[in-house]
């Protein structure tokens, strides 16, 4: 199968917090020949539900069909393509970078500019943590590359649509 064309879409799913739901969602996307570029799952304020955020590349029609099929899965409560919705999105990255000698001060300046935290330090390396948008994380990592990245781990995107004003009695969307 060929790699799907199109832009990356962020799909938000509210699902029952049951075993096997993640596997069924991933299986459905894989069966269509699409790669999940990013995936995160976590609990919500209601312990019976979880929030999933998928990033999948495809054209509008393909993504619409995938959302419709995801909606048919028994443990899926709601599916929304939030790509063009006003939303807050974040990823988390942990980066271990060599930091000996004069490089230590420069790495600390870069971390300060990006509001990253030093979460571990040895005489040879810093481990830095940064939460932000995909673009912010990429810019941060690129500035650290010259000092030698020893290890890098990144989470998938987490997204929450922005709050909107509702008329009295109207309930906000759960996604």
N, C-alpha and C. Protein backbone atom coordinates (compact mmCIF):
# COMPACT_ATOMS: atom_id res chain seq x y z
N UNK A 1 0.83 -1.18 0.00
CA UNK A 1 0.00 0.00 0.00
C UNK A 1 0.88 1.24 0.00
N UNK A 2 0.41 2.28 -0.65
CA UNK A 2 1.18 3.51 -0.69
C UNK A 2 0.87 4.38 0.52
N UNK A 3 1.77 5.31 0.78
CA UNK A 3 1.57 6.25 1.87
C UNK A 3 0.48 7.23 1.46
N UNK A 4 -0.50 7.47 2.33
CA UNK A 4 -1.58 8.37 1.96
C UNK A 4 -1.09 9.80 1.79
N UNK A 5 -1.67 10.48 0.80
CA UNK A 5 -1.36 11.88 0.56
C UNK A 5 -2.28 12.73 1.41
N UNK A 6 -1.98 13.99 1.49
CA UNK A 6 -2.82 14.91 2.23
C UNK A 6 -2.12 15.42 3.45
N UNK A 7 -2.83 16.28 4.14
CA UNK A 7 -2.25 16.90 5.33
C UNK A 7 -2.53 16.07 6.57
N UNK A 8 -1.81 16.39 7.63
CA UNK A 8 -2.02 15.70 8.90
C UNK A 8 -3.31 16.21 9.53
N UNK A 9 -4.13 15.29 9.99
CA UNK A 9 -5.38 15.62 10.68
C UNK A 9 -5.29 15.15 12.12
N UNK A 10 -5.79 15.98 13.02
CA UNK A 10 -5.85 15.62 14.43
C UNK A 10 -7.27 15.19 14.74
N UNK A 11 -7.39 13.94 15.18
CA UNK A 11 -8.71 13.36 15.47
C UNK A 11 -8.79 13.10 16.97
N UNK A 12 -9.83 13.64 17.57
CA UNK A 12 -10.06 13.48 19.00
C UNK A 12 -11.19 12.48 19.21
N UNK A 13 -10.95 11.51 20.08
CA UNK A 13 -11.96 10.49 20.36
C UNK A 13 -12.23 10.44 21.86
N UNK A 14 -13.47 10.39 22.23
CA UNK A 14 -13.87 10.11 23.60
C UNK A 14 -14.32 8.65 23.58
N UNK A 15 -13.70 7.82 24.40
CA UNK A 15 -13.96 6.38 24.37
C UNK A 15 -14.24 5.85 25.77
N UNK A 16 -14.90 4.68 25.80
CA UNK A 16 -15.10 3.99 27.08
C UNK A 16 -13.73 3.55 27.58
N UNK A 17 -13.51 3.68 28.87
CA UNK A 17 -12.24 3.29 29.47
C UNK A 17 -12.27 1.79 29.72
N UNK A 18 -12.09 1.02 28.64
CA UNK A 18 -12.14 -0.45 28.71
C UNK A 18 -10.93 -1.02 27.98
N UNK A 19 -10.57 -2.22 28.38
CA UNK A 19 -9.43 -2.86 27.74
C UNK A 19 -9.78 -3.22 26.29
N UNK A 20 -8.80 -3.05 25.41
CA UNK A 20 -8.96 -3.41 24.01
C UNK A 20 -9.41 -2.28 23.10
N UNK A 21 -9.87 -1.16 23.66
CA UNK A 21 -10.36 -0.06 22.82
C UNK A 21 -9.23 0.51 21.97
N UNK A 22 -8.09 0.75 22.58
CA UNK A 22 -6.95 1.28 21.84
C UNK A 22 -6.57 0.35 20.69
N UNK A 23 -6.53 -0.93 20.94
CA UNK A 23 -6.17 -1.90 19.90
C UNK A 23 -7.17 -1.87 18.75
N UNK A 24 -8.46 -1.77 19.06
CA UNK A 24 -9.48 -1.75 18.00
C UNK A 24 -9.37 -0.48 17.16
N UNK A 25 -9.11 0.66 17.80
CA UNK A 25 -8.96 1.91 17.07
C UNK A 25 -7.73 1.83 16.16
N UNK A 26 -6.60 1.40 16.71
CA UNK A 26 -5.37 1.29 15.91
C UNK A 26 -5.54 0.30 14.77
N UNK A 27 -6.22 -0.80 15.03
CA UNK A 27 -6.45 -1.81 14.01
C UNK A 27 -7.30 -1.27 12.86
N UNK A 28 -8.32 -0.50 13.19
CA UNK A 28 -9.17 0.08 12.15
C UNK A 28 -8.37 1.02 11.26
N UNK A 29 -7.55 1.87 11.85
CA UNK A 29 -6.73 2.81 11.07
C UNK A 29 -5.71 2.05 10.23
N UNK A 30 -5.06 1.05 10.81
CA UNK A 30 -4.06 0.27 10.07
C UNK A 30 -4.70 -0.53 8.94
N UNK A 31 -5.90 -1.03 9.14
CA UNK A 31 -6.58 -1.82 8.11
C UNK A 31 -6.86 -0.98 6.87
N UNK A 32 -6.97 0.32 7.05
CA UNK A 32 -7.20 1.23 5.91
C UNK A 32 -5.89 1.63 5.25
N UNK A 33 -4.77 1.16 5.80
CA UNK A 33 -3.47 1.45 5.20
C UNK A 33 -2.87 2.77 5.63
N UNK A 34 -3.32 3.30 6.75
CA UNK A 34 -2.82 4.58 7.22
C UNK A 34 -1.94 4.39 8.43
N UNK A 35 -0.94 5.25 8.53
CA UNK A 35 -0.04 5.23 9.66
C UNK A 35 -0.50 6.26 10.68
N UNK A 36 -0.50 5.89 11.93
CA UNK A 36 -0.80 6.84 12.99
C UNK A 36 0.52 7.56 13.29
N UNK A 37 0.58 8.85 12.95
CA UNK A 37 1.80 9.63 13.16
C UNK A 37 2.01 9.97 14.62
N UNK A 38 0.91 10.11 15.36
CA UNK A 38 0.99 10.45 16.77
C UNK A 38 -0.25 9.88 17.45
N UNK A 39 -0.06 9.40 18.69
CA UNK A 39 -1.17 8.82 19.43
C UNK A 39 -0.96 9.07 20.91
N UNK A 40 -1.97 9.56 21.56
CA UNK A 40 -1.92 9.67 23.02
C UNK A 40 -3.29 9.29 23.58
N UNK A 41 -3.26 8.69 24.74
CA UNK A 41 -4.48 8.25 25.42
C UNK A 41 -4.33 8.56 26.89
N UNK A 42 -5.40 9.07 27.47
CA UNK A 42 -5.35 9.34 28.90
C UNK A 42 -6.73 9.45 29.49
N UNK A 43 -6.77 9.39 30.80
CA UNK A 43 -8.03 9.47 31.53
C UNK A 43 -8.63 10.87 31.39
N UNK A 44 -9.93 10.95 31.59
CA UNK A 44 -10.63 12.23 31.62
C UNK A 44 -11.10 12.48 33.05
N UNK A 45 -11.88 13.52 33.23
CA UNK A 45 -12.44 13.83 34.55
C UNK A 45 -13.42 12.75 35.01
N UNK A 46 -13.90 11.95 34.07
CA UNK A 46 -14.82 10.85 34.35
C UNK A 46 -14.04 9.55 34.17
N UNK A 47 -13.82 8.81 35.26
CA UNK A 47 -12.96 7.62 35.18
C UNK A 47 -13.50 6.52 34.28
N UNK A 48 -14.73 6.63 33.82
CA UNK A 48 -15.28 5.61 32.92
C UNK A 48 -14.93 5.90 31.45
N UNK A 49 -14.30 7.08 31.18
CA UNK A 49 -13.94 7.43 29.81
C UNK A 49 -12.47 7.80 29.69
N UNK A 50 -11.96 7.68 28.48
CA UNK A 50 -10.60 8.11 28.15
C UNK A 50 -10.67 9.00 26.92
N UNK A 51 -9.66 9.85 26.79
CA UNK A 51 -9.54 10.73 25.63
C UNK A 51 -8.38 10.21 24.79
N UNK A 52 -8.62 10.03 23.49
CA UNK A 52 -7.57 9.63 22.57
C UNK A 52 -7.36 10.76 21.57
N UNK A 53 -6.12 11.01 21.23
CA UNK A 53 -5.79 11.97 20.19
C UNK A 53 -4.91 11.26 19.18
N UNK A 54 -5.39 11.23 17.93
CA UNK A 54 -4.65 10.60 16.83
C UNK A 54 -4.26 11.66 15.82
N UNK A 55 -3.08 11.53 15.26
CA UNK A 55 -2.70 12.34 14.12
C UNK A 55 -2.49 11.37 12.96
N UNK A 56 -3.30 11.56 11.91
CA UNK A 56 -3.29 10.68 10.74
C UNK A 56 -3.25 11.56 9.50
N UNK A 57 -2.48 11.16 8.50
CA UNK A 57 -2.36 11.93 7.27
C UNK A 57 -3.30 11.37 6.21
N UNK A 58 -4.02 12.28 5.55
CA UNK A 58 -4.92 11.87 4.47
C UNK A 58 -5.70 13.04 3.93
N UNK A 59 -6.39 12.82 2.82
CA UNK A 59 -7.20 13.90 2.28
C UNK A 59 -8.53 13.97 3.05
N UNK A 60 -9.29 15.02 2.79
CA UNK A 60 -10.52 15.28 3.56
C UNK A 60 -11.50 14.11 3.50
N UNK A 61 -11.68 13.53 2.32
CA UNK A 61 -12.65 12.45 2.16
C UNK A 61 -12.22 11.22 2.96
N UNK A 62 -10.96 10.89 2.89
CA UNK A 62 -10.44 9.71 3.58
C UNK A 62 -10.59 9.89 5.10
N UNK A 63 -10.25 11.06 5.60
CA UNK A 63 -10.35 11.31 7.04
C UNK A 63 -11.81 11.26 7.48
N UNK A 64 -12.69 11.82 6.66
CA UNK A 64 -14.12 11.78 6.99
C UNK A 64 -14.61 10.33 7.08
N UNK A 65 -14.19 9.49 6.14
CA UNK A 65 -14.58 8.08 6.16
C UNK A 65 -14.02 7.37 7.38
N UNK A 66 -12.77 7.66 7.72
CA UNK A 66 -12.16 7.04 8.90
C UNK A 66 -12.91 7.45 10.16
N UNK A 67 -13.28 8.72 10.27
CA UNK A 67 -14.04 9.20 11.44
C UNK A 67 -15.39 8.49 11.53
N UNK A 68 -16.06 8.32 10.40
CA UNK A 68 -17.35 7.63 10.41
C UNK A 68 -17.19 6.18 10.88
N UNK A 69 -16.13 5.52 10.41
CA UNK A 69 -15.91 4.13 10.82
C UNK A 69 -15.50 4.04 12.28
N UNK A 70 -14.70 4.98 12.75
CA UNK A 70 -14.33 5.01 14.17
C UNK A 70 -15.57 5.19 15.04
N UNK A 71 -16.50 6.03 14.58
CA UNK A 71 -17.74 6.27 15.32
C UNK A 71 -18.58 5.02 15.47
N UNK A 72 -18.40 4.06 14.57
CA UNK A 72 -19.18 2.82 14.61
C UNK A 72 -18.64 1.80 15.60
N UNK A 73 -17.40 2.01 16.07
CA UNK A 73 -16.84 1.08 17.06
C UNK A 73 -17.65 1.19 18.35
N UNK A 74 -17.93 0.06 18.93
CA UNK A 74 -18.87 0.01 20.06
C UNK A 74 -18.45 0.83 21.26
N UNK A 75 -17.16 0.90 21.58
CA UNK A 75 -16.72 1.62 22.77
C UNK A 75 -16.35 3.08 22.51
N UNK A 76 -16.61 3.55 21.29
CA UNK A 76 -16.32 4.93 20.94
C UNK A 76 -17.57 5.78 21.18
N UNK A 77 -17.42 6.82 21.97
CA UNK A 77 -18.54 7.69 22.31
C UNK A 77 -18.67 8.84 21.32
N UNK A 78 -17.53 9.47 20.98
CA UNK A 78 -17.56 10.61 20.07
C UNK A 78 -16.24 10.71 19.33
N UNK A 79 -16.31 11.10 18.05
CA UNK A 79 -15.14 11.30 17.21
C UNK A 79 -15.26 12.67 16.55
N UNK A 80 -14.20 13.46 16.63
CA UNK A 80 -14.20 14.78 16.01
C UNK A 80 -12.85 15.03 15.37
N UNK A 81 -12.86 15.47 14.11
CA UNK A 81 -11.64 15.94 13.46
C UNK A 81 -11.47 17.39 13.92
N UNK A 82 -10.50 17.63 14.78
CA UNK A 82 -10.31 18.96 15.36
C UNK A 82 -9.21 19.76 14.65
N UNK A 83 -8.80 19.29 13.49
CA UNK A 83 -7.70 19.90 12.76
C UNK A 83 -7.90 21.40 12.57
N UNK A 84 -9.08 21.81 12.20
CA UNK A 84 -9.34 23.22 11.91
C UNK A 84 -10.13 23.92 13.01
N UNK A 85 -10.26 23.26 14.16
CA UNK A 85 -10.98 23.85 15.29
C UNK A 85 -10.02 24.65 16.16
N UNK A 86 -10.51 25.73 16.78
CA UNK A 86 -9.66 26.42 17.74
C UNK A 86 -9.39 25.49 18.92
N UNK A 87 -8.13 25.23 19.19
CA UNK A 87 -7.79 24.23 20.20
C UNK A 87 -6.45 24.56 20.85
N UNK A 88 -6.25 23.97 22.02
CA UNK A 88 -4.98 24.02 22.72
C UNK A 88 -4.34 22.65 22.50
N UNK A 89 -3.12 22.64 22.02
CA UNK A 89 -2.43 21.36 21.80
C UNK A 89 -1.05 21.40 22.41
N UNK A 90 -0.63 20.26 22.91
CA UNK A 90 0.69 20.15 23.52
C UNK A 90 1.27 18.77 23.26
N UNK A 91 2.60 18.74 23.20
CA UNK A 91 3.37 17.51 23.20
C UNK A 91 4.41 17.68 24.30
N UNK A 92 5.00 16.59 24.71
CA UNK A 92 6.05 16.63 25.71
C UNK A 92 7.27 15.92 25.13
N UNK A 93 8.45 16.50 25.38
CA UNK A 93 9.68 15.86 24.94
C UNK A 93 10.66 15.84 26.10
N UNK A 94 11.38 14.74 26.21
CA UNK A 94 12.52 14.61 27.11
C UNK A 94 13.74 14.45 26.21
N UNK A 95 14.75 15.30 26.42
CA UNK A 95 15.95 15.28 25.59
C UNK A 95 17.17 15.21 26.50
N UNK A 96 18.02 14.21 26.28
CA UNK A 96 19.30 14.16 26.97
C UNK A 96 20.35 14.67 25.99
N UNK A 97 21.06 15.71 26.42
CA UNK A 97 22.04 16.35 25.55
C UNK A 97 23.38 16.44 26.28
N UNK A 98 24.45 16.22 25.54
CA UNK A 98 25.80 16.35 26.12
C UNK A 98 25.97 17.78 26.61
N UNK A 99 26.57 17.92 27.79
CA UNK A 99 26.70 19.28 28.35
C UNK A 99 27.96 19.39 29.19
N UNK A 100 29.09 19.39 28.53
CA UNK A 100 30.35 19.52 29.25
C UNK A 100 30.95 20.90 28.98
N UNK A 101 31.61 21.42 29.98
CA UNK A 101 32.33 22.69 29.82
C UNK A 101 31.41 23.87 29.53
N UNK A 102 31.86 24.70 28.57
CA UNK A 102 31.15 25.94 28.24
C UNK A 102 29.76 25.68 27.66
N UNK A 103 29.53 24.50 27.13
CA UNK A 103 28.22 24.17 26.54
C UNK A 103 27.10 24.22 27.59
N UNK A 104 27.43 23.96 28.83
CA UNK A 104 26.40 23.91 29.89
C UNK A 104 25.64 25.23 29.99
N UNK A 105 26.36 26.34 29.97
CA UNK A 105 25.70 27.64 30.10
C UNK A 105 24.81 27.92 28.88
N UNK A 106 25.30 27.60 27.70
CA UNK A 106 24.52 27.85 26.48
C UNK A 106 23.26 26.97 26.45
N UNK A 107 23.40 25.72 26.85
CA UNK A 107 22.23 24.82 26.89
C UNK A 107 21.21 25.34 27.90
N UNK A 108 21.68 25.84 29.03
CA UNK A 108 20.76 26.41 30.03
C UNK A 108 20.06 27.65 29.48
N UNK A 109 20.75 28.46 28.68
CA UNK A 109 20.12 29.64 28.06
C UNK A 109 19.04 29.21 27.08
N UNK A 110 19.33 28.21 26.27
CA UNK A 110 18.33 27.70 25.32
C UNK A 110 17.12 27.17 26.08
N UNK A 111 17.38 26.40 27.13
CA UNK A 111 16.28 25.86 27.94
C UNK A 111 15.44 26.99 28.53
N UNK A 112 16.10 28.04 29.00
CA UNK A 112 15.39 29.18 29.58
C UNK A 112 14.53 29.89 28.54
N UNK A 113 15.06 30.09 27.35
CA UNK A 113 14.31 30.75 26.28
C UNK A 113 13.03 29.99 25.96
N UNK A 114 13.12 28.66 25.94
CA UNK A 114 11.97 27.82 25.60
C UNK A 114 11.11 27.44 26.82
N UNK A 115 11.55 27.87 28.00
CA UNK A 115 10.89 27.52 29.25
C UNK A 115 10.89 26.02 29.50
N UNK A 116 12.00 25.41 29.13
CA UNK A 116 12.20 23.98 29.39
C UNK A 116 12.77 23.83 30.80
N UNK A 117 12.61 22.65 31.36
CA UNK A 117 13.13 22.36 32.69
C UNK A 117 14.25 21.34 32.61
N UNK A 118 15.29 21.56 33.42
CA UNK A 118 16.33 20.53 33.58
C UNK A 118 15.78 19.56 34.61
N UNK A 119 15.55 18.31 34.21
CA UNK A 119 14.97 17.31 35.11
C UNK A 119 16.00 16.32 35.62
N UNK A 120 17.20 16.33 35.02
CA UNK A 120 18.29 15.49 35.49
C UNK A 120 19.59 16.10 34.99
N UNK A 121 20.62 16.01 35.81
CA UNK A 121 21.91 16.56 35.40
C UNK A 121 23.03 15.68 35.93
N UNK A 122 24.01 15.46 35.06
CA UNK A 122 25.26 14.80 35.44
C UNK A 122 26.38 15.70 34.94
N UNK A 123 27.62 15.43 35.30
CA UNK A 123 28.71 16.25 34.77
C UNK A 123 28.82 16.20 33.24
N UNK A 124 28.26 15.16 32.62
CA UNK A 124 28.38 15.00 31.17
C UNK A 124 27.12 15.36 30.38
N UNK A 125 25.96 15.44 31.05
CA UNK A 125 24.72 15.62 30.28
C UNK A 125 23.62 16.27 31.11
N UNK A 126 22.72 16.94 30.40
CA UNK A 126 21.47 17.43 30.97
C UNK A 126 20.34 16.64 30.34
N UNK A 127 19.30 16.36 31.12
CA UNK A 127 18.05 15.86 30.56
C UNK A 127 17.05 16.99 30.73
N UNK A 128 16.49 17.43 29.61
CA UNK A 128 15.58 18.57 29.58
C UNK A 128 14.17 18.10 29.24
N UNK A 129 13.19 18.78 29.81
CA UNK A 129 11.78 18.49 29.56
C UNK A 129 11.13 19.75 29.00
N UNK A 130 10.37 19.60 27.93
CA UNK A 130 9.66 20.72 27.34
C UNK A 130 8.28 20.28 26.90
N UNK A 131 7.29 21.07 27.22
CA UNK A 131 5.93 20.86 26.72
C UNK A 131 5.60 22.03 25.81
N UNK A 132 4.98 21.74 24.68
CA UNK A 132 4.61 22.81 23.76
C UNK A 132 4.04 22.24 22.48
N UNK A 133 3.89 23.11 21.50
CA UNK A 133 3.40 22.67 20.20
C UNK A 133 4.49 21.89 19.47
N UNK A 134 4.08 21.19 18.45
CA UNK A 134 5.02 20.41 17.65
C UNK A 134 6.13 21.30 17.09
N UNK A 135 5.77 22.48 16.59
CA UNK A 135 6.75 23.40 16.02
C UNK A 135 7.74 23.89 17.07
N UNK A 136 7.25 24.21 18.27
CA UNK A 136 8.12 24.68 19.34
C UNK A 136 9.12 23.59 19.74
N UNK A 137 8.64 22.37 19.86
CA UNK A 137 9.51 21.26 20.22
C UNK A 137 10.56 21.02 19.14
N UNK A 138 10.15 21.07 17.88
CA UNK A 138 11.11 20.88 16.78
C UNK A 138 12.19 21.96 16.80
N UNK A 139 11.81 23.22 17.03
CA UNK A 139 12.78 24.31 17.07
C UNK A 139 13.76 24.11 18.24
N UNK A 140 13.26 23.69 19.38
CA UNK A 140 14.08 23.43 20.56
C UNK A 140 15.10 22.33 20.28
N UNK A 141 14.63 21.23 19.71
CA UNK A 141 15.51 20.09 19.42
C UNK A 141 16.58 20.50 18.41
N UNK A 142 16.21 21.26 17.39
CA UNK A 142 17.19 21.67 16.38
C UNK A 142 18.29 22.54 16.99
N UNK A 143 17.93 23.39 17.96
CA UNK A 143 18.95 24.22 18.61
C UNK A 143 19.88 23.40 19.50
N UNK A 144 19.40 22.26 19.99
CA UNK A 144 20.22 21.41 20.85
C UNK A 144 21.11 20.44 20.06
N UNK A 145 20.78 20.17 18.81
CA UNK A 145 21.52 19.19 18.01
C UNK A 145 23.04 19.41 17.99
N UNK A 146 23.52 20.64 17.84
CA UNK A 146 24.98 20.83 17.77
C UNK A 146 25.73 20.32 19.01
N UNK A 147 25.06 20.21 20.15
CA UNK A 147 25.74 19.73 21.36
C UNK A 147 25.68 18.22 21.51
N UNK A 148 24.98 17.56 20.64
CA UNK A 148 24.94 16.10 20.66
C UNK A 148 23.80 15.53 21.49
N UNK A 149 22.71 15.23 20.82
CA UNK A 149 21.57 14.62 21.50
C UNK A 149 21.89 13.15 21.71
N UNK A 150 21.86 12.73 22.97
CA UNK A 150 22.15 11.34 23.31
C UNK A 150 20.89 10.49 23.28
N UNK A 151 19.77 11.09 23.66
CA UNK A 151 18.51 10.36 23.70
C UNK A 151 17.38 11.36 23.60
N UNK A 152 16.27 10.97 22.95
CA UNK A 152 15.12 11.83 22.80
C UNK A 152 13.86 10.97 22.82
N UNK A 153 12.91 11.34 23.68
CA UNK A 153 11.61 10.67 23.72
C UNK A 153 10.54 11.74 23.66
N UNK A 154 9.54 11.50 22.85
CA UNK A 154 8.47 12.47 22.66
C UNK A 154 7.12 11.79 22.79
N UNK A 155 6.17 12.49 23.39
CA UNK A 155 4.81 11.97 23.49
C UNK A 155 4.06 12.31 22.22
N UNK A 156 2.88 11.77 22.10
CA UNK A 156 1.98 12.19 21.04
C UNK A 156 1.29 13.48 21.43
N UNK A 157 0.60 14.05 20.48
CA UNK A 157 -0.12 15.29 20.70
C UNK A 157 -1.33 15.05 21.59
N UNK A 158 -1.56 15.98 22.50
CA UNK A 158 -2.77 16.01 23.31
C UNK A 158 -3.48 17.30 22.92
N UNK A 159 -4.78 17.23 22.66
CA UNK A 159 -5.51 18.40 22.19
C UNK A 159 -6.83 18.55 22.93
N UNK A 160 -7.18 19.79 23.20
CA UNK A 160 -8.48 20.11 23.79
C UNK A 160 -9.02 21.33 23.06
N UNK A 161 -10.24 21.21 22.54
CA UNK A 161 -10.81 22.35 21.85
C UNK A 161 -11.01 23.48 22.86
N UNK A 162 -10.93 24.69 22.35
CA UNK A 162 -11.07 25.86 23.22
C UNK A 162 -12.50 25.96 23.71
N UNK A 163 -12.65 26.47 24.92
CA UNK A 163 -13.98 26.67 25.50
C UNK A 163 -14.71 27.75 24.71
N UNK A 164 -16.00 27.58 24.56
CA UNK A 164 -16.83 28.58 23.90
C UNK A 164 -17.95 28.96 24.84
N UNK A 165 -18.53 30.11 24.58
CA UNK A 165 -19.67 30.53 25.40
C UNK A 165 -20.91 29.79 24.94
N UNK A 166 -21.66 29.33 25.91
CA UNK A 166 -22.89 28.60 25.62
C UNK A 166 -24.06 29.34 26.24
N UNK A 167 -25.18 29.24 25.56
CA UNK A 167 -26.40 29.79 26.15
C UNK A 167 -26.71 29.01 27.42
N UNK A 168 -27.43 29.63 28.33
CA UNK A 168 -27.75 28.93 29.58
C UNK A 168 -28.50 27.65 29.27
N UNK A 169 -28.09 26.61 29.96
CA UNK A 169 -28.71 25.31 29.76
C UNK A 169 -28.02 24.47 28.72
N UNK A 170 -27.27 25.09 27.80
CA UNK A 170 -26.57 24.31 26.78
C UNK A 170 -25.35 23.66 27.41
N UNK A 171 -25.06 22.46 27.01
CA UNK A 171 -23.91 21.73 27.55
C UNK A 171 -22.76 21.81 26.57
N UNK A 172 -21.53 22.01 27.05
CA UNK A 172 -20.37 22.01 26.16
C UNK A 172 -20.08 20.61 25.64
N UNK A 173 -19.42 20.56 24.50
CA UNK A 173 -19.02 19.29 23.92
C UNK A 173 -18.02 18.58 24.83
N UNK A 174 -18.09 17.24 24.93
CA UNK A 174 -17.15 16.54 25.79
C UNK A 174 -15.74 16.47 25.20
N UNK A 175 -15.57 16.91 23.99
CA UNK A 175 -14.23 16.82 23.38
C UNK A 175 -13.63 18.19 23.25
